[in-house]
Amino acid sequence: MLTLTNEFTTVTVEKIATRNGERLRITSPRLGYSIELDPLELESLTWQTVETFSRLLSTPYGPDEDGVEARPLSDLILFGGEHA
């Protein structure tokens, strides 16, 4: 297991074996969130621009304004945050 920390957060990263192959488990111990990503999902992160992650982090806990359209993360990644 690898732990990464900065002034904002701490995450742990570990390689795990599943019935469907290897995954990378990323956990936020402070928030209690965890995700397991397969190699293709990890590769898809490399296709993104810095702006994609900036938009993602603009409201890290979800939309905080009335009238904001909540959309799946896959929309943000696949379409660069623009409506398809």
PDB file of N, CA and C in Angstrom:
ATOM      1  N   MET A   1       0.842  -1.170   0.000  1.00  0.00           N
ATOM      2  CA  MET A   1       0.000   0.000   0.000  1.00  0.00           C
ATOM      3  C   MET A   1       0.891   1.239   0.000  1.00  0.00           C
ATOM      4  N   LEU A   2       0.436   2.243  -0.742  1.00  0.00           N
ATOM      5  CA  LEU A   2       1.150   3.506  -0.857  1.00  0.00           C
ATOM      6  C   LEU A   2       0.230   4.597  -0.326  1.00  0.00           C
ATOM      7  N   THR A   3       0.761   5.502   0.499  1.00  0.00           N
ATOM      8  CA  THR A   3      -0.008   6.620   1.023  1.00  0.00           C
ATOM      9  C   THR A   3       0.545   7.914   0.455  1.00  0.00           C
ATOM     10  N   LEU A   4      -0.349   8.732  -0.093  1.00  0.00           N
ATOM     11  CA  LEU A   4       0.020  10.039  -0.640  1.00  0.00           C
ATOM     12  C   LEU A   4      -0.702  11.108   0.168  1.00  0.00           C
ATOM     13  N   THR A   5       0.035  12.142   0.582  1.00  0.00           N
ATOM     14  CA  THR A   5      -0.532  13.184   1.434  1.00  0.00           C
ATOM     15  C   THR A   5      -0.062  14.545   0.961  1.00  0.00           C
ATOM     16  N   ASN A   6      -0.958  15.520   1.019  1.00  0.00           N
ATOM     17  CA  ASN A   6      -0.560  16.916   0.843  1.00  0.00           C
ATOM     18  C   ASN A   6      -1.348  17.745   1.862  1.00  0.00           C
ATOM     19  N   GLU A   7      -1.343  19.065   1.702  1.00  0.00           N
ATOM     20  CA  GLU A   7      -2.007  19.912   2.698  1.00  0.00           C
ATOM     21  C   GLU A   7      -3.522  19.801   2.653  1.00  0.00           C
ATOM     22  N   PHE A   8      -4.085  19.178   1.608  1.00  0.00           N
ATOM     23  CA  PHE A   8      -5.532  19.090   1.466  1.00  0.00           C
ATOM     24  C   PHE A   8      -6.119  17.736   1.832  1.00  0.00           C
ATOM     25  N   THR A   9      -5.366  16.661   1.599  1.00  0.00           N
ATOM     26  CA  THR A   9      -5.955  15.332   1.780  1.00  0.00           C
ATOM     27  C   THR A   9      -4.889  14.252   1.887  1.00  0.00           C
ATOM     28  N   THR A  10      -5.337  13.073   2.192  1.00  0.00           N
ATOM     29  CA  THR A  10      -4.515  11.862   2.191  1.00  0.00           C
ATOM     30  C   THR A  10      -5.292  10.783   1.460  1.00  0.00           C
ATOM     31  N   VAL A  11      -4.624  10.064   0.575  1.00  0.00           N
ATOM     32  CA  VAL A  11      -5.226   8.908  -0.082  1.00  0.00           C
ATOM     33  C   VAL A  11      -4.276   7.727   0.025  1.00  0.00           C
ATOM     34  N   THR A  12      -4.851   6.545   0.026  1.00  0.00           N
ATOM     35  CA  THR A  12      -4.051   5.329  -0.047  1.00  0.00           C
ATOM     36  C   THR A  12      -4.340   4.665  -1.382  1.00  0.00           C
ATOM     37  N   VAL A  13      -3.318   4.029  -1.940  1.00  0.00           N
ATOM     38  CA  VAL A  13      -3.421   3.354  -3.221  1.00  0.00           C
ATOM     39  C   VAL A  13      -2.856   1.956  -3.043  1.00  0.00           C
ATOM     40  N   GLU A  14      -3.618   0.971  -3.516  1.00  0.00           N
ATOM     41  CA  GLU A  14      -3.113  -0.404  -3.439  1.00  0.00           C
ATOM     42  C   GLU A  14      -3.585  -1.213  -4.631  1.00  0.00           C
ATOM     43  N   LYS A  15      -2.746  -2.116  -5.086  1.00  0.00           N
ATOM     44  CA  LYS A  15      -3.103  -3.036  -6.164  1.00  0.00           C
ATOM     45  C   LYS A  15      -3.804  -4.231  -5.541  1.00  0.00           C
ATOM     46  N   ILE A  16      -4.970  -4.576  -6.098  1.00  0.00           N
ATOM     47  CA  ILE A  16      -5.722  -5.709  -5.568  1.00  0.00           C
ATOM     48  C   ILE A  16      -6.055  -6.676  -6.699  1.00  0.00           C
ATOM     49  N   ALA A  17      -6.292  -7.919  -6.350  1.00  0.00           N
ATOM     50  CA  ALA A  17      -6.704  -8.939  -7.315  1.00  0.00           C
ATOM     51  C   ALA A  17      -8.196  -9.193  -7.129  1.00  0.00           C
ATOM     52  N   THR A  18      -8.935  -9.223  -8.248  1.00  0.00           N
ATOM     53  CA  THR A  18     -10.362  -9.549  -8.211  1.00  0.00           C
ATOM     54  C   THR A  18     -10.613 -10.703  -9.166  1.00  0.00           C
ATOM     55  N   ARG A  19     -11.836 -11.192  -9.185  1.00  0.00           N
ATOM     56  CA  ARG A  19     -12.182 -12.262 -10.129  1.00  0.00           C
ATOM     57  C   ARG A  19     -12.039 -11.794 -11.567  1.00  0.00           C
ATOM     58  N   ASN A  20     -12.142 -10.485 -11.784  1.00  0.00           N
ATOM     59  CA  ASN A  20     -12.072  -9.924 -13.132  1.00  0.00           C
ATOM     60  C   ASN A  20     -10.716  -9.310 -13.451  1.00  0.00           C
ATOM     61  N   GLY A  21      -9.702  -9.662 -12.682  1.00  0.00           N
ATOM     62  CA  GLY A  21      -8.363  -9.140 -12.939  1.00  0.00           C
ATOM     63  C   GLY A  21      -7.916  -8.135 -11.897  1.00  0.00           C
ATOM     64  N   GLU A  22      -6.771  -7.542 -12.150  1.00  0.00           N
ATOM     65  CA  GLU A  22      -6.194  -6.597 -11.196  1.00  0.00           C
ATOM     66  C   GLU A  22      -6.896  -5.249 -11.263  1.00  0.00           C
ATOM     67  N   ARG A  23      -6.951  -4.604 -10.113  1.00  0.00           N
ATOM     68  CA  ARG A  23      -7.537  -3.271  -9.979  1.00  0.00           C
ATOM     69  C   ARG A  23      -6.620  -2.434  -9.099  1.00  0.00           C
ATOM     70  N   LEU A  24      -6.771  -1.137  -9.201  1.00  0.00           N
ATOM     71  CA  LEU A  24      -6.104  -0.222  -8.300  1.00  0.00           C
ATOM     72  C   LEU A  24      -7.184   0.356  -7.396  1.00  0.00           C
ATOM     73  N   ARG A  25      -7.046   0.133  -6.109  1.00  0.00           N
ATOM     74  CA  ARG A  25      -8.005   0.667  -5.139  1.00  0.00           C
ATOM     75  C   ARG A  25      -7.448   1.981  -4.600  1.00  0.00           C
ATOM     76  N   ILE A  26      -8.219   3.037  -4.739  1.00  0.00           N
ATOM     77  CA  ILE A  26      -7.853   4.352  -4.220  1.00  0.00           C
ATOM     78  C   ILE A  26      -8.849   4.680  -3.121  1.00  0.00           C
ATOM     79  N   THR A  27      -8.328   4.995  -1.940  1.00  0.00           N
ATOM     80  CA  THR A  27      -9.179   5.233  -0.774  1.00  0.00           C
ATOM     81  C   THR A  27      -8.861   6.579  -0.157  1.00  0.00           C
ATOM     82  N   SER A  28      -9.915   7.284   0.248  1.00  0.00           N
ATOM     83  CA  SER A  28      -9.783   8.516   1.016  1.00  0.00           C
ATOM     84  C   SER A  28     -10.186   8.185   2.451  1.00  0.00           C
ATOM     85  N   PRO A  29      -9.216   7.892   3.319  1.00  0.00           N
ATOM     86  CA  PRO A  29      -9.560   7.478   4.684  1.00  0.00           C
ATOM     87  C   PRO A  29     -10.363   8.529   5.452  1.00  0.00           C
ATOM     88  N   ARG A  30     -10.047   9.797   5.233  1.00  0.00           N
ATOM     89  CA  ARG A  30     -10.729  10.861   5.971  1.00  0.00           C
ATOM     90  C   ARG A  30     -12.208  10.938   5.595  1.00  0.00           C
ATOM     91  N   LEU A  31     -12.520  10.778   4.303  1.00  0.00           N
ATOM     92  CA  LEU A  31     -13.906  10.873   3.845  1.00  0.00           C
ATOM     93  C   LEU A  31     -14.619   9.530   3.812  1.00  0.00           C
ATOM     94  N   GLY A  32     -13.843   8.442   3.830  1.00  0.00           N
ATOM     95  CA  GLY A  32     -14.445   7.124   3.799  1.00  0.00           C
ATOM     96  C   GLY A  32     -14.867   6.666   2.415  1.00  0.00           C
ATOM     97  N   TYR A  33     -14.348   7.309   1.357  1.00  0.00           N
ATOM     98  CA  TYR A  33     -14.662   6.911  -0.012  1.00  0.00           C
ATOM     99  C   TYR A  33     -13.574   5.998  -0.548  1.00  0.00           C
ATOM    100  N   SER A  34     -13.974   5.110  -1.468  1.00  0.00           N
ATOM    101  CA  SER A  34     -13.028   4.200  -2.086  1.00  0.00           C
ATOM    102  C   SER A  34     -13.527   3.871  -3.488  1.00  0.00           C
ATOM    103  N   ILE A  35     -12.591   3.648  -4.401  1.00  0.00           N
ATOM    104  CA  ILE A  35     -12.950   3.235  -5.759  1.00  0.00           C
ATOM    105  C   ILE A  35     -11.913   2.228  -6.239  1.00  0.00           C
ATOM    106  N   GLU A  36     -12.360   1.271  -7.029  1.00  0.00           N
ATOM    107  CA  GLU A  36     -11.465   0.290  -7.628  1.00  0.00           C
ATOM    108  C   GLU A  36     -11.512   0.475  -9.133  1.00  0.00           C
ATOM    109  N   LEU A  37     -10.364   0.768  -9.733  1.00  0.00           N
ATOM    110  CA  LEU A  37     -10.285   1.054 -11.167  1.00  0.00           C
ATOM    111  C   LEU A  37      -9.494  -0.019 -11.894  1.00  0.00           C
ATOM    112  N   ASP A  38     -10.030  -0.462 -13.045  1.00  0.00           N
ATOM    113  CA  ASP A  38      -9.298  -1.443 -13.848  1.00  0.00           C
ATOM    114  C   ASP A  38      -8.308  -0.705 -14.757  1.00  0.00           C
ATOM    115  N   PRO A  39      -7.442  -1.437 -15.461  1.00  0.00           N
ATOM    116  CA  PRO A  39      -6.426  -0.778 -16.285  1.00  0.00           C
ATOM    117  C   PRO A  39      -7.001   0.189 -17.325  1.00  0.00           C
ATOM    118  N   LEU A  40      -8.110  -0.147 -17.968  1.00  0.00           N
ATOM    119  CA  LEU A  40      -8.688   0.753 -18.956  1.00  0.00           C
ATOM    120  C   LEU A  40      -9.214   2.031 -18.298  1.00  0.00           C
ATOM    121  N   GLU A  41      -9.836   1.912 -17.156  1.00  0.00           N
ATOM    122  CA  GLU A  41     -10.310   3.101 -16.438  1.00  0.00           C
ATOM    123  C   GLU A  41      -9.140   3.983 -16.027  1.00  0.00           C
ATOM    124  N   LEU A  42      -8.054   3.363 -15.603  1.00  0.00           N
ATOM    125  CA  LEU A  42      -6.857   4.138 -15.261  1.00  0.00           C
ATOM    126  C   LEU A  42      -6.265   4.812 -16.492  1.00  0.00           C
ATOM    127  N   GLU A  43      -6.203   4.080 -17.599  1.00  0.00           N
ATOM    128  CA  GLU A  43      -5.668   4.669 -18.821  1.00  0.00           C
ATOM    129  C   GLU A  43      -6.505   5.865 -19.252  1.00  0.00           C
ATOM    130  N   SER A  44      -7.813   5.780 -19.075  1.00  0.00           N
ATOM    131  CA  SER A  44      -8.685   6.880 -19.498  1.00  0.00           C
ATOM    132  C   SER A  44      -8.353   8.175 -18.758  1.00  0.00           C
ATOM    133  N   LEU A  45      -7.783   8.074 -17.574  1.00  0.00           N
ATOM    134  CA  LEU A  45      -7.349   9.278 -16.857  1.00  0.00           C
ATOM    135  C   LEU A  45      -6.244  10.002 -17.616  1.00  0.00           C
ATOM    136  N   THR A  46      -5.412   9.248 -18.334  1.00  0.00           N
ATOM    137  CA  THR A  46      -4.309   9.873 -19.071  1.00  0.00           C
ATOM    138  C   THR A  46      -4.798  10.623 -20.299  1.00  0.00           C
ATOM    139  N   TRP A  47      -6.027  10.375 -20.716  1.00  0.00           N
ATOM    140  CA  TRP A  47      -6.587  11.048 -21.885  1.00  0.00           C
ATOM    141  C   TRP A  47      -7.102  12.444 -21.538  1.00  0.00           C
ATOM    142  N   GLN A  48      -7.164  12.748 -20.253  1.00  0.00           N
ATOM    143  CA  GLN A  48      -7.792  13.991 -19.809  1.00  0.00           C
ATOM    144  C   GLN A  48      -6.792  15.145 -19.748  1.00  0.00           C
ATOM    145  N   THR A  49      -7.334  16.338 -19.822  1.00  0.00           N
ATOM    146  CA  THR A  49      -6.520  17.538 -19.682  1.00  0.00           C
ATOM    147  C   THR A  49      -6.573  18.003 -18.228  1.00  0.00           C
ATOM    148  N   VAL A  50      -5.674  18.897 -17.889  1.00  0.00           N
ATOM    149  CA  VAL A  50      -5.668  19.484 -16.554  1.00  0.00           C
ATOM    150  C   VAL A  50      -7.001  20.192 -16.293  1.00  0.00           C
ATOM    151  N   GLU A  51      -7.573  20.791 -17.325  1.00  0.00           N
ATOM    152  CA  GLU A  51      -8.840  21.506 -17.179  1.00  0.00           C
ATOM    153  C   GLU A  51      -9.969  20.579 -16.741  1.00  0.00           C
ATOM    154  N   THR A  52      -9.956  19.339 -17.212  1.00  0.00           N
ATOM    155  CA  THR A  52     -10.975  18.373 -16.793  1.00  0.00           C
ATOM    156  C   THR A  52     -10.937  18.187 -15.284  1.00  0.00           C
ATOM    157  N   PHE A  53      -9.747  18.036 -14.744  1.00  0.00           N
ATOM    158  CA  PHE A  53      -9.629  17.830 -13.302  1.00  0.00           C
ATOM    159  C   PHE A  53      -9.940  19.111 -12.529  1.00  0.00           C
ATOM    160  N   SER A  54      -9.605  20.255 -13.108  1.00  0.00           N
ATOM    161  CA  SER A  54      -9.942  21.523 -12.464  1.00  0.00           C
ATOM    162  C   SER A  54     -11.448  21.672 -12.350  1.00  0.00           C
ATOM    163  N   ARG A  55     -12.184  21.348 -13.424  1.00  0.00           N
ATOM    164  CA  ARG A  55     -13.655  21.401 -13.374  1.00  0.00           C
ATOM    165  C   ARG A  55     -14.193  20.407 -12.351  1.00  0.00           C
ATOM    166  N   LEU A  56     -13.612  19.245 -12.310  1.00  0.00           N
ATOM    167  CA  LEU A  56     -14.048  18.221 -11.365  1.00  0.00           C
ATOM    168  C   LEU A  56     -13.873  18.694  -9.932  1.00  0.00           C
ATOM    169  N   LEU A  57     -12.786  19.402  -9.659  1.00  0.00           N
ATOM    170  CA  LEU A  57     -12.499  19.860  -8.305  1.00  0.00           C
ATOM    171  C   LEU A  57     -13.150  21.190  -7.954  1.00  0.00           C
ATOM    172  N   SER A  58     -13.810  21.827  -8.905  1.00  0.00           N
ATOM    173  CA  SER A  58     -14.437  23.113  -8.597  1.00  0.00           C
ATOM    174  C   SER A  58     -15.536  22.960  -7.557  1.00  0.00           C
ATOM    175  N   THR A  59     -16.213  21.819  -7.523  1.00  0.00           N
ATOM    176  CA  THR A  59     -17.174  21.493  -6.461  1.00  0.00           C
ATOM    177  C   THR A  59     -16.926  20.035  -6.057  1.00  0.00           C
ATOM    178  N   PRO A  60     -15.886  19.781  -5.270  1.00  0.00           N
ATOM    179  CA  PRO A  60     -15.465  18.404  -4.987  1.00  0.00           C
ATOM    180  C   PRO A  60     -16.495  17.559  -4.248  1.00  0.00           C
ATOM    181  N   TYR A  61     -17.474  18.179  -3.593  1.00  0.00           N
ATOM    182  CA  TYR A  61     -18.472  17.403  -2.860  1.00  0.00           C
ATOM    183  C   TYR A  61     -19.810  17.408  -3.565  1.00  0.00           C
ATOM    184  N   GLY A  62     -19.814  17.787  -4.852  1.00  0.00           N
ATOM    185  CA  GLY A  62     -21.027  17.799  -5.646  1.00  0.00           C
ATOM    186  C   GLY A  62     -21.506  19.215  -5.892  1.00  0.00           C
ATOM    187  N   PRO A  63     -22.537  19.363  -6.720  1.00  0.00           N
ATOM    188  CA  PRO A  63     -23.058  20.701  -7.018  1.00  0.00           C
ATOM    189  C   PRO A  63     -23.502  21.405  -5.739  1.00  0.00           C
ATOM    190  N   ASP A  64     -23.150  22.682  -5.614  1.00  0.00           N
ATOM    191  CA  ASP A  64     -23.515  23.400  -4.402  1.00  0.00           C
ATOM    192  C   ASP A  64     -24.405  24.606  -4.693  1.00  0.00           C
ATOM    193  N   GLU A  65     -24.927  24.681  -5.907  1.00  0.00           N
ATOM    194  CA  GLU A  65     -25.797  25.786  -6.275  1.00  0.00           C
ATOM    195  C   GLU A  65     -27.140  25.243  -6.761  1.00  0.00           C
ATOM    196  N   ASP A  66     -28.205  25.982  -6.487  1.00  0.00           N
ATOM    197  CA  ASP A  66     -29.514  25.601  -7.015  1.00  0.00           C
ATOM    198  C   ASP A  66     -29.478  25.689  -8.531  1.00  0.00           C
ATOM    199  N   GLY A  67     -30.141  24.756  -9.182  1.00  0.00           N
ATOM    200  CA  GLY A  67     -30.218  24.785 -10.633  1.00  0.00           C
ATOM    201  C   GLY A  67     -29.013  24.203 -11.339  1.00  0.00           C
ATOM    202  N   VAL A  68     -28.036  23.707 -10.606  1.00  0.00           N
ATOM    203  CA  VAL A  68     -26.872  23.094 -11.242  1.00  0.00           C
ATOM    204  C   VAL A  68     -27.254  21.701 -11.684  1.00  0.00           C
ATOM    205  N   GLU A  69     -26.960  21.397 -12.922  1.00  0.00           N
ATOM    206  CA  GLU A  69     -27.278  20.085 -13.447  1.00  0.00           C
ATOM    207  C   GLU A  69     -26.216  19.080 -13.011  1.00  0.00           C
ATOM    208  N   ALA A  70     -26.611  18.074 -12.248  1.00  0.00           N
ATOM    209  CA  ALA A  70     -25.684  17.014 -11.843  1.00  0.00           C
ATOM    210  C   ALA A  70     -25.607  16.003 -12.972  1.00  0.00           C
ATOM    211  N   ARG A  71     -24.370  15.683 -13.392  1.00  0.00           N
ATOM    212  CA  ARG A  71     -24.162  14.728 -14.472  1.00  0.00           C
ATOM    213  C   ARG A  71     -23.147  13.698 -14.041  1.00  0.00           C
ATOM    214  N   PRO A  72     -23.192  12.509 -14.635  1.00  0.00           N
ATOM    215  CA  PRO A  72     -22.223  11.467 -14.286  1.00  0.00           C
ATOM    216  C   PRO A  72     -20.800  11.899 -14.630  1.00  0.00           C
ATOM    217  N   LEU A  73     -19.842  11.411 -13.857  1.00  0.00           N
ATOM    218  CA  LEU A  73     -18.432  11.679 -14.113  1.00  0.00           C
ATOM    219  C   LEU A  73     -18.048  11.241 -15.525  1.00  0.00           C
ATOM    220  N   SER A  74     -18.650  10.156 -16.010  1.00  0.00           N
ATOM    221  CA  SER A  74     -18.324   9.682 -17.359  1.00  0.00           C
ATOM    222  C   SER A  74     -18.643  10.738 -18.401  1.00  0.00           C
ATOM    223  N   ASP A  75     -19.691  11.525 -18.203  1.00  0.00           N
ATOM    224  CA  ASP A  75     -19.991  12.616 -19.135  1.00  0.00           C
ATOM    225  C   ASP A  75     -18.872  13.646 -19.133  1.00  0.00           C
ATOM    226  N   LEU A  76     -18.404  13.997 -17.961  1.00  0.00           N
ATOM    227  CA  LEU A  76     -17.347  14.991 -17.844  1.00  0.00           C
ATOM    228  C   LEU A  76     -16.069  14.512 -18.524  1.00  0.00           C
ATOM    229  N   ILE A  77     -15.730  13.267 -18.325  1.00  0.00           N
ATOM    230  CA  ILE A  77     -14.496  12.728 -18.895  1.00  0.00           C
ATOM    231  C   ILE A  77     -14.628  12.507 -20.396  1.00  0.00           C
ATOM    232  N   LEU A  78     -15.722  11.881 -20.831  1.00  0.00           N
ATOM    233  CA  LEU A  78     -15.856  11.548 -22.242  1.00  0.00           C
ATOM    234  C   LEU A  78     -16.093  12.766 -23.126  1.00  0.00           C
ATOM    235  N   PHE A  79     -16.803  13.773 -22.604  1.00  0.00           N
ATOM    236  CA  PHE A  79     -17.179  14.892 -23.445  1.00  0.00           C
ATOM    237  C   PHE A  79     -16.535  16.204 -23.007  1.00  0.00           C
ATOM    238  N   GLY A  80     -15.530  16.157 -22.122  1.00  0.00           N
ATOM    239  CA  GLY A  80     -14.832  17.355 -21.712  1.00  0.00           C
ATOM    240  C   GLY A  80     -15.702  18.346 -20.984  1.00  0.00           C
ATOM    241  N   GLY A  81     -16.802  17.872 -20.357  1.00  0.00           N
ATOM    242  CA  GLY A  81     -17.654  18.746 -19.572  1.00  0.00           C
ATOM    243  C   GLY A  81     -18.690  19.480 -20.378  1.00  0.00           C
ATOM    244  N   GLU A  82     -18.702  19.303 -21.692  1.00  0.00           N
ATOM    245  CA  GLU A  82     -19.695  19.969 -22.532  1.00  0.00           C
ATOM    246  C   GLU A  82     -20.854  19.034 -22.779  1.00  0.00           C
ATOM    247  N   HIS A  83     -22.010  19.572 -23.031  1.00  0.00           N
ATOM    248  CA  HIS A  83     -23.175  18.738 -23.308  1.00  0.00           C
ATOM    249  C   HIS A  83     -22.975  17.971 -24.597  1.00  0.00           C
ATOM    250  N   ALA A  84     -23.354  16.716 -24.549  1.00  0.00           N
ATOM    251  CA  ALA A  84     -23.198  15.876 -25.750  1.00  0.00           C
ATOM    252  C   ALA A  84     -24.393  16.029 -26.660  1.00  0.00           C
TER     253      ALA A  84
END
